[in-house]
Amino acid sequence: MAISIFVTGGTFDKEYNELNGSLFFKDTHVHDMLQLGRSKVDLKVQTLMLIDSLDMTNEHRKLLVDACLKCVNDQIVLTHGTDTLTQTAETLAEHVKHKTIVITGAMIPYKFGSSDGLFNLGSALAFAQTLQPGVYIAMNGRYYDWNNCRKNRETGYFEELS
């Protein structure tokens, strides 16, 4: 059974405009990351959207819920911006049962060359294969239950609540 990767954008997929310093979306970098990581996992990658998570609405989250419910695979990795990642995790946990969903992101864009995204994606794929059904967040080599973590904006890391 394959793992589905649903791409939503976030820092994972941002590009840098050297002329004006802005960040923008062009296409997902997930395929390049999987190739660089030499992944041999049976995967199905689907780009659902390319947006900053601060722009994610309840309608976007409904699309994610629908995609997870319709997905034939029981193991799903979702790339997502880190700012509202926990909100999306809560929505998925409310509506999607009996699947293992691991949400991951990056603090630094992949295109910067020093991104944590490659490591986080690899970790998320490993966790998706080993964790019981539920919704999890994978960042910095750790996984968290969806309702027991937060982004610490001072340190730039996710941490447990309790």
N, C-alpha and C. Protein backbone atom coordinates (compact mmCIF):
# COMPACT_ATOMS: atom_id res chain seq x y z
N MET A 1 0.85 -1.18 0.00
CA MET A 1 0.00 0.00 0.00
C MET A 1 0.89 1.25 0.00
N ALA A 2 0.57 2.18 -0.85
CA ALA A 2 1.36 3.41 -0.99
C ALA A 2 0.99 4.42 0.09
N ILE A 3 1.85 5.40 0.25
CA ILE A 3 1.57 6.55 1.10
C ILE A 3 1.20 7.70 0.16
N SER A 4 0.13 8.40 0.49
CA SER A 4 -0.23 9.59 -0.27
C SER A 4 0.40 10.81 0.39
N ILE A 5 0.98 11.66 -0.42
CA ILE A 5 1.48 12.95 0.05
C ILE A 5 0.60 14.02 -0.56
N PHE A 6 -0.03 14.80 0.30
CA PHE A 6 -0.83 15.93 -0.16
C PHE A 6 -0.04 17.21 0.12
N VAL A 7 0.18 17.98 -0.92
CA VAL A 7 0.96 19.21 -0.85
C VAL A 7 -0.01 20.39 -0.71
N THR A 8 0.28 21.28 0.23
CA THR A 8 -0.55 22.49 0.38
C THR A 8 0.26 23.77 0.22
N GLY A 9 1.56 23.68 0.15
CA GLY A 9 2.39 24.87 0.03
C GLY A 9 3.18 25.11 1.30
N GLY A 10 3.03 26.28 1.88
CA GLY A 10 3.80 26.62 3.07
C GLY A 10 5.25 26.88 2.71
N THR A 11 6.06 27.04 3.72
CA THR A 11 7.47 27.37 3.52
C THR A 11 8.19 26.30 2.71
N PHE A 12 7.74 25.04 2.80
CA PHE A 12 8.31 23.97 1.99
C PHE A 12 8.54 24.42 0.55
N ASP A 13 7.52 25.03 -0.02
CA ASP A 13 7.48 25.26 -1.46
C ASP A 13 7.68 26.70 -1.89
N LYS A 14 8.11 27.55 -0.98
CA LYS A 14 8.29 28.96 -1.35
C LYS A 14 9.57 29.15 -2.15
N GLU A 15 9.48 30.07 -3.09
CA GLU A 15 10.61 30.51 -3.91
C GLU A 15 11.00 31.91 -3.44
N TYR A 16 12.22 32.30 -3.71
CA TYR A 16 12.72 33.61 -3.30
C TYR A 16 12.97 34.48 -4.53
N ASN A 17 12.36 35.66 -4.56
CA ASN A 17 12.60 36.62 -5.62
C ASN A 17 13.79 37.49 -5.20
N GLU A 18 14.92 37.29 -5.87
CA GLU A 18 16.14 38.00 -5.50
C GLU A 18 16.07 39.50 -5.80
N LEU A 19 15.18 39.90 -6.68
CA LEU A 19 15.08 41.32 -7.03
C LEU A 19 14.38 42.15 -5.96
N ASN A 20 13.31 41.59 -5.39
CA ASN A 20 12.57 42.38 -4.40
C ASN A 20 12.49 41.72 -3.02
N GLY A 21 13.08 40.54 -2.87
CA GLY A 21 13.13 39.87 -1.57
C GLY A 21 11.84 39.19 -1.15
N SER A 22 10.89 39.11 -2.05
CA SER A 22 9.61 38.48 -1.68
C SER A 22 9.67 36.97 -1.86
N LEU A 23 8.78 36.29 -1.16
CA LEU A 23 8.62 34.85 -1.30
C LEU A 23 7.34 34.59 -2.09
N PHE A 24 7.37 33.57 -2.95
CA PHE A 24 6.21 33.27 -3.78
C PHE A 24 6.18 31.78 -4.08
N PHE A 25 5.07 31.32 -4.66
CA PHE A 25 4.93 29.92 -5.04
C PHE A 25 4.99 29.77 -6.55
N LYS A 26 5.68 28.73 -6.98
CA LYS A 26 5.77 28.40 -8.40
C LYS A 26 5.30 26.97 -8.61
N ASP A 27 5.90 26.04 -7.87
CA ASP A 27 5.56 24.62 -7.97
C ASP A 27 6.07 23.95 -6.70
N THR A 28 5.65 22.73 -6.47
CA THR A 28 6.12 22.02 -5.28
C THR A 28 7.55 21.52 -5.46
N HIS A 29 8.28 21.47 -4.38
CA HIS A 29 9.64 20.93 -4.37
C HIS A 29 9.67 19.51 -3.83
N VAL A 30 8.52 18.96 -3.51
CA VAL A 30 8.46 17.63 -2.88
C VAL A 30 9.13 16.57 -3.75
N HIS A 31 8.89 16.61 -5.06
CA HIS A 31 9.50 15.60 -5.95
C HIS A 31 11.03 15.68 -5.89
N ASP A 32 11.57 16.90 -5.92
CA ASP A 32 13.02 17.08 -5.83
C ASP A 32 13.55 16.58 -4.48
N MET A 33 12.80 16.86 -3.43
CA MET A 33 13.22 16.44 -2.09
C MET A 33 13.25 14.92 -1.98
N LEU A 34 12.25 14.27 -2.54
CA LEU A 34 12.20 12.80 -2.51
C LEU A 34 13.35 12.20 -3.30
N GLN A 35 13.67 12.82 -4.43
CA GLN A 35 14.80 12.34 -5.24
C GLN A 35 16.11 12.55 -4.49
N LEU A 36 16.29 13.72 -3.90
CA LEU A 36 17.51 14.02 -3.15
C LEU A 36 17.66 13.07 -1.95
N GLY A 37 16.55 12.76 -1.32
CA GLY A 37 16.57 11.85 -0.18
C GLY A 37 16.64 10.38 -0.58
N ARG A 38 16.63 10.11 -1.88
CA ARG A 38 16.72 8.74 -2.43
C ARG A 38 15.61 7.84 -1.88
N SER A 39 14.42 8.39 -1.77
CA SER A 39 13.28 7.66 -1.23
C SER A 39 12.92 6.46 -2.11
N LYS A 40 12.68 5.35 -1.46
CA LYS A 40 12.24 4.13 -2.14
C LYS A 40 10.84 3.73 -1.66
N VAL A 41 10.16 4.66 -1.00
CA VAL A 41 8.80 4.41 -0.51
C VAL A 41 7.83 4.55 -1.68
N ASP A 42 6.85 3.66 -1.74
CA ASP A 42 5.80 3.74 -2.76
C ASP A 42 4.91 4.93 -2.42
N LEU A 43 4.95 5.96 -3.26
CA LEU A 43 4.27 7.22 -2.95
C LEU A 43 3.38 7.68 -4.09
N LYS A 44 2.35 8.41 -3.69
CA LYS A 44 1.51 9.12 -4.65
C LYS A 44 1.46 10.57 -4.17
N VAL A 45 2.04 11.48 -4.95
CA VAL A 45 2.11 12.89 -4.58
C VAL A 45 1.04 13.65 -5.35
N GLN A 46 0.28 14.46 -4.61
CA GLN A 46 -0.76 15.27 -5.23
C GLN A 46 -0.72 16.68 -4.64
N THR A 47 -0.60 17.67 -5.51
CA THR A 47 -0.64 19.06 -5.06
C THR A 47 -2.10 19.49 -4.98
N LEU A 48 -2.55 19.80 -3.77
CA LEU A 48 -3.93 20.26 -3.58
C LEU A 48 -4.03 21.78 -3.67
N MET A 49 -2.98 22.47 -3.23
CA MET A 49 -2.94 23.93 -3.27
C MET A 49 -1.51 24.35 -3.00
N LEU A 50 -1.19 25.58 -3.31
CA LEU A 50 0.10 26.16 -2.97
C LEU A 50 -0.18 27.53 -2.34
N ILE A 51 -0.36 27.51 -1.01
CA ILE A 51 -0.69 28.75 -0.30
C ILE A 51 0.11 28.83 1.00
N ASP A 52 0.22 30.03 1.50
CA ASP A 52 0.78 30.24 2.83
C ASP A 52 -0.28 29.81 3.83
N SER A 53 0.11 29.17 4.91
CA SER A 53 -0.89 28.67 5.85
C SER A 53 -1.66 29.80 6.53
N LEU A 54 -1.11 31.00 6.57
CA LEU A 54 -1.86 32.14 7.12
C LEU A 54 -3.05 32.50 6.23
N ASP A 55 -3.00 32.08 4.98
CA ASP A 55 -4.10 32.33 4.04
C ASP A 55 -5.09 31.17 3.98
N MET A 56 -4.83 30.11 4.74
CA MET A 56 -5.71 28.93 4.69
C MET A 56 -7.02 29.22 5.41
N THR A 57 -8.11 28.91 4.73
CA THR A 57 -9.45 29.15 5.26
C THR A 57 -10.11 27.82 5.64
N ASN A 58 -11.29 27.92 6.22
CA ASN A 58 -12.06 26.71 6.52
C ASN A 58 -12.43 25.95 5.24
N GLU A 59 -12.61 26.66 4.15
CA GLU A 59 -12.91 26.01 2.87
C GLU A 59 -11.70 25.18 2.40
N HIS A 60 -10.50 25.73 2.57
CA HIS A 60 -9.29 24.97 2.24
C HIS A 60 -9.20 23.71 3.10
N ARG A 61 -9.49 23.87 4.39
CA ARG A 61 -9.42 22.72 5.30
C ARG A 61 -10.46 21.66 4.94
N LYS A 62 -11.63 22.10 4.48
CA LYS A 62 -12.66 21.15 4.04
C LYS A 62 -12.14 20.35 2.83
N LEU A 63 -11.44 21.03 1.93
CA LEU A 63 -10.85 20.34 0.78
C LEU A 63 -9.86 19.27 1.25
N LEU A 64 -9.06 19.59 2.28
CA LEU A 64 -8.10 18.63 2.82
C LEU A 64 -8.82 17.44 3.46
N VAL A 65 -9.86 17.72 4.22
CA VAL A 65 -10.65 16.64 4.83
C VAL A 65 -11.21 15.74 3.75
N ASP A 66 -11.81 16.33 2.72
CA ASP A 66 -12.38 15.54 1.63
C ASP A 66 -11.32 14.69 0.93
N ALA A 67 -10.16 15.27 0.70
CA ALA A 67 -9.08 14.53 0.04
C ALA A 67 -8.64 13.34 0.89
N CYS A 68 -8.54 13.54 2.20
CA CYS A 68 -8.13 12.45 3.09
C CYS A 68 -9.20 11.36 3.15
N LEU A 69 -10.46 11.77 3.21
CA LEU A 69 -11.55 10.78 3.27
C LEU A 69 -11.65 9.96 1.98
N LYS A 70 -11.41 10.59 0.84
CA LYS A 70 -11.50 9.91 -0.45
C LYS A 70 -10.25 9.12 -0.80
N CYS A 71 -9.17 9.37 -0.09
CA CYS A 71 -7.89 8.73 -0.39
C CYS A 71 -7.97 7.22 -0.17
N VAL A 72 -7.51 6.45 -1.14
CA VAL A 72 -7.53 4.99 -1.00
C VAL A 72 -6.46 4.50 -0.05
N ASN A 73 -5.44 5.32 0.17
CA ASN A 73 -4.36 4.92 1.08
C ASN A 73 -4.70 5.32 2.50
N ASP A 74 -4.30 4.49 3.45
CA ASP A 74 -4.56 4.75 4.86
C ASP A 74 -3.44 5.54 5.53
N GLN A 75 -2.35 5.73 4.81
CA GLN A 75 -1.21 6.49 5.34
C GLN A 75 -1.04 7.74 4.48
N ILE A 76 -1.11 8.90 5.14
CA ILE A 76 -1.09 10.17 4.44
C ILE A 76 -0.08 11.10 5.10
N VAL A 77 0.74 11.75 4.28
CA VAL A 77 1.62 12.82 4.74
C VAL A 77 1.11 14.09 4.09
N LEU A 78 1.00 15.13 4.89
CA LEU A 78 0.49 16.40 4.43
C LEU A 78 1.55 17.47 4.66
N THR A 79 2.00 18.14 3.59
CA THR A 79 2.93 19.26 3.78
C THR A 79 2.09 20.50 4.00
N HIS A 80 2.54 21.34 4.92
CA HIS A 80 1.68 22.46 5.37
C HIS A 80 2.57 23.56 5.94
N GLY A 81 2.13 24.78 5.84
CA GLY A 81 2.81 25.88 6.50
C GLY A 81 2.70 25.72 8.01
N THR A 82 3.71 26.17 8.73
CA THR A 82 3.77 25.91 10.17
C THR A 82 2.90 26.83 11.01
N ASP A 83 2.50 27.98 10.47
CA ASP A 83 1.76 28.94 11.29
C ASP A 83 0.38 28.45 11.72
N THR A 84 -0.32 27.73 10.84
CA THR A 84 -1.66 27.24 11.19
C THR A 84 -1.76 25.72 11.09
N LEU A 85 -0.64 25.07 11.12
CA LEU A 85 -0.58 23.62 11.03
C LEU A 85 -1.44 22.94 12.09
N THR A 86 -1.41 23.43 13.31
CA THR A 86 -2.18 22.79 14.39
C THR A 86 -3.68 22.97 14.19
N GLN A 87 -4.11 24.06 13.58
CA GLN A 87 -5.53 24.25 13.29
C GLN A 87 -6.02 23.22 12.28
N THR A 88 -5.23 23.00 11.25
CA THR A 88 -5.58 22.00 10.25
C THR A 88 -5.58 20.61 10.87
N ALA A 89 -4.61 20.34 11.74
CA ALA A 89 -4.55 19.04 12.42
C ALA A 89 -5.82 18.80 13.22
N GLU A 90 -6.29 19.82 13.91
CA GLU A 90 -7.52 19.69 14.70
C GLU A 90 -8.72 19.37 13.80
N THR A 91 -8.83 20.06 12.69
CA THR A 91 -9.93 19.81 11.75
C THR A 91 -9.88 18.39 11.22
N LEU A 92 -8.70 17.94 10.84
CA LEU A 92 -8.56 16.58 10.32
C LEU A 92 -8.90 15.55 11.39
N ALA A 93 -8.45 15.78 12.62
CA ALA A 93 -8.73 14.83 13.71
C ALA A 93 -10.23 14.73 13.99
N GLU A 94 -10.96 15.80 13.80
CA GLU A 94 -12.41 15.79 14.02
C GLU A 94 -13.15 14.98 12.97
N HIS A 95 -12.63 14.97 11.74
CA HIS A 95 -13.39 14.42 10.63
C HIS A 95 -12.84 13.15 10.00
N VAL A 96 -11.57 12.87 10.17
CA VAL A 96 -10.97 11.72 9.49
C VAL A 96 -10.53 10.70 10.55
N LYS A 97 -11.13 9.56 10.53
CA LYS A 97 -10.81 8.49 11.48
C LYS A 97 -10.21 7.31 10.71
N HIS A 98 -9.51 6.47 11.38
CA HIS A 98 -9.00 5.20 10.83
C HIS A 98 -7.93 5.38 9.75
N LYS A 99 -7.28 6.54 9.71
CA LYS A 99 -6.14 6.74 8.82
C LYS A 99 -5.01 7.35 9.64
N THR A 100 -3.80 7.12 9.20
CA THR A 100 -2.64 7.74 9.83
C THR A 100 -2.27 8.95 8.99
N ILE A 101 -2.41 10.13 9.59
CA ILE A 101 -2.12 11.38 8.90
C ILE A 101 -0.99 12.07 9.65
N VAL A 102 0.10 12.34 8.95
CA VAL A 102 1.25 13.03 9.54
C VAL A 102 1.43 14.33 8.79
N ILE A 103 1.34 15.43 9.52
CA ILE A 103 1.47 16.76 8.93
C ILE A 103 2.87 17.29 9.25
N THR A 104 3.53 17.82 8.25
CA THR A 104 4.86 18.35 8.45
C THR A 104 5.04 19.66 7.69
N GLY A 105 6.06 20.37 8.04
CA GLY A 105 6.34 21.65 7.39
C GLY A 105 7.82 21.94 7.46
N ALA A 106 8.15 23.18 7.18
CA ALA A 106 9.55 23.63 7.22
C ALA A 106 9.58 25.05 7.75
N MET A 107 10.62 25.37 8.46
CA MET A 107 10.81 26.73 8.95
C MET A 107 11.60 27.58 7.94
N ILE A 108 12.34 26.91 7.07
CA ILE A 108 13.18 27.58 6.08
C ILE A 108 12.83 26.99 4.71
N PRO A 109 12.60 27.81 3.68
CA PRO A 109 12.26 27.28 2.36
C PRO A 109 13.32 26.32 1.83
N TYR A 110 12.87 25.29 1.15
CA TYR A 110 13.76 24.29 0.55
C TYR A 110 14.78 24.97 -0.38
N LYS A 111 14.35 25.95 -1.13
CA LYS A 111 15.22 26.62 -2.10
C LYS A 111 16.38 27.37 -1.45
N PHE A 112 16.32 27.61 -0.15
CA PHE A 112 17.41 28.32 0.53
C PHE A 112 18.64 27.43 0.72
N GLY A 113 18.47 26.11 0.58
CA GLY A 113 19.59 25.20 0.69
C GLY A 113 19.91 24.77 2.11
N SER A 114 19.38 25.45 3.10
CA SER A 114 19.62 25.08 4.50
C SER A 114 18.32 24.70 5.19
N SER A 115 17.36 24.26 4.40
CA SER A 115 16.02 23.98 4.91
C SER A 115 15.99 22.73 5.78
N ASP A 116 15.14 22.76 6.76
CA ASP A 116 14.83 21.59 7.57
C ASP A 116 13.78 20.71 6.89
N GLY A 117 13.26 21.14 5.77
CA GLY A 117 12.18 20.45 5.08
C GLY A 117 12.50 19.03 4.67
N LEU A 118 13.69 18.78 4.14
CA LEU A 118 14.05 17.44 3.70
C LEU A 118 14.03 16.47 4.87
N PHE A 119 14.61 16.87 5.99
CA PHE A 119 14.62 16.03 7.18
C PHE A 119 13.21 15.81 7.71
N ASN A 120 12.41 16.87 7.73
CA ASN A 120 11.04 16.74 8.23
C ASN A 120 10.19 15.85 7.33
N LEU A 121 10.37 15.95 6.02
CA LEU A 121 9.62 15.10 5.10
C LEU A 121 10.00 13.64 5.29
N GLY A 122 11.29 13.36 5.39
CA GLY A 122 11.72 11.98 5.63
C GLY A 122 11.19 11.43 6.93
N SER A 123 11.22 12.24 7.97
CA SER A 123 10.69 11.81 9.27
C SER A 123 9.20 11.53 9.17
N ALA A 124 8.47 12.41 8.49
CA ALA A 124 7.02 12.24 8.35
C ALA A 124 6.69 10.94 7.62
N LEU A 125 7.47 10.62 6.59
CA LEU A 125 7.23 9.36 5.86
C LEU A 125 7.48 8.15 6.76
N ALA A 126 8.52 8.21 7.57
CA ALA A 126 8.80 7.11 8.49
C ALA A 126 7.69 6.98 9.54
N PHE A 127 7.26 8.11 10.10
CA PHE A 127 6.20 8.08 11.11
C PHE A 127 4.89 7.58 10.51
N ALA A 128 4.59 7.96 9.28
CA ALA A 128 3.34 7.51 8.64
C ALA A 128 3.31 6.00 8.50
N GLN A 129 4.46 5.39 8.36
CA GLN A 129 4.53 3.93 8.20
C GLN A 129 4.49 3.18 9.52
N THR A 130 4.73 3.88 10.63
CA THR A 130 4.88 3.17 11.90
C THR A 130 3.85 3.53 12.96
N LEU A 131 3.23 4.69 12.86
CA LEU A 131 2.28 5.11 13.88
C LEU A 131 0.90 4.51 13.64
N GLN A 132 0.15 4.40 14.72
CA GLN A 132 -1.23 3.92 14.66
C GLN A 132 -2.10 4.99 14.01
N PRO A 133 -3.30 4.64 13.53
CA PRO A 133 -4.18 5.65 12.97
C PRO A 133 -4.40 6.81 13.93
N GLY A 134 -4.41 8.00 13.38
CA GLY A 134 -4.57 9.23 14.14
C GLY A 134 -3.94 10.36 13.37
N VAL A 135 -3.95 11.54 13.96
CA VAL A 135 -3.36 12.72 13.33
C VAL A 135 -2.17 13.16 14.17
N TYR A 136 -1.05 13.35 13.48
CA TYR A 136 0.21 13.68 14.14
C TYR A 136 0.88 14.85 13.43
N ILE A 137 1.79 15.48 14.14
CA ILE A 137 2.63 16.53 13.58
C ILE A 137 4.07 16.06 13.70
N ALA A 138 4.82 16.14 12.60
CA ALA A 138 6.22 15.72 12.58
C ALA A 138 7.10 16.92 12.25
N MET A 139 7.94 17.27 13.20
CA MET A 139 8.89 18.36 13.01
C MET A 139 10.17 18.04 13.77
N ASN A 140 11.31 18.33 13.17
CA ASN A 140 12.62 18.23 13.82
C ASN A 140 12.91 16.84 14.36
N GLY A 141 12.48 15.80 13.63
CA GLY A 141 12.78 14.43 14.02
C GLY A 141 11.86 13.85 15.07
N ARG A 142 10.88 14.61 15.50
CA ARG A 142 9.93 14.15 16.52
C ARG A 142 8.53 14.14 15.95
N TYR A 143 7.68 13.35 16.58
CA TYR A 143 6.26 13.44 16.25
C TYR A 143 5.51 13.82 17.51
N TYR A 144 4.39 14.48 17.30
CA TYR A 144 3.53 14.94 18.38
C TYR A 144 2.10 14.54 18.07
N ASP A 145 1.33 14.19 19.09
CA ASP A 145 -0.10 14.07 18.90
C ASP A 145 -0.62 15.44 18.51
N TRP A 146 -1.59 15.48 17.63
CA TRP A 146 -2.06 16.73 17.07
C TRP A 146 -2.48 17.75 18.13
N ASN A 147 -2.96 17.27 19.27
CA ASN A 147 -3.49 18.17 20.29
C ASN A 147 -2.51 18.41 21.44
N ASN A 148 -1.24 18.04 21.24
CA ASN A 148 -0.28 18.19 22.32
C ASN A 148 1.01 18.87 21.86
N CYS A 149 0.88 19.87 20.99
CA CYS A 149 2.07 20.61 20.57
C CYS A 149 1.68 22.00 20.11
N ARG A 150 2.71 22.82 20.01
CA ARG A 150 2.53 24.18 19.49
C ARG A 150 3.83 24.62 18.86
N LYS A 151 3.71 25.61 18.00
CA LYS A 151 4.89 26.23 17.41
C LYS A 151 5.37 27.31 18.38
N ASN A 152 6.60 27.19 18.83
CA ASN A 152 7.20 28.21 19.68
C ASN A 152 7.83 29.23 18.75
N ARG A 153 7.22 30.39 18.66
CA ARG A 153 7.67 31.42 17.72
C ARG A 153 8.97 32.08 18.15
N GLU A 154 9.35 31.92 19.40
CA GLU A 154 10.62 32.49 19.87
C GLU A 154 11.81 31.61 19.51
N THR A 155 11.62 30.28 19.59
CA THR A 155 12.72 29.36 19.31
C THR A 155 12.71 28.85 17.87
N GLY A 156 11.53 28.89 17.21
CA GLY A 156 11.42 28.35 15.87
C GLY A 156 11.29 26.84 15.84
N TYR A 157 10.88 26.25 16.95
CA TYR A 157 10.68 24.80 17.03
C TYR A 157 9.26 24.49 17.51
N PHE A 158 8.80 23.29 17.20
CA PHE A 158 7.56 22.81 17.79
C PHE A 158 7.91 22.15 19.12
N GLU A 159 6.97 22.23 20.05
CA GLU A 159 7.23 21.65 21.38
C GLU A 159 5.93 21.09 21.94
N GLU A 160 6.09 20.15 22.87
CA GLU A 160 4.94 19.55 23.55
C GLU A 160 4.30 20.57 24.47
N LEU A 161 3.00 20.44 24.63
CA LEU A 161 2.27 21.30 25.57
C LEU A 161 2.41 20.81 27.00
N SER A 162 2.41 19.49 27.15
CA SER A 162 2.51 18.94 28.52
C SER A 162 3.67 17.99 28.65
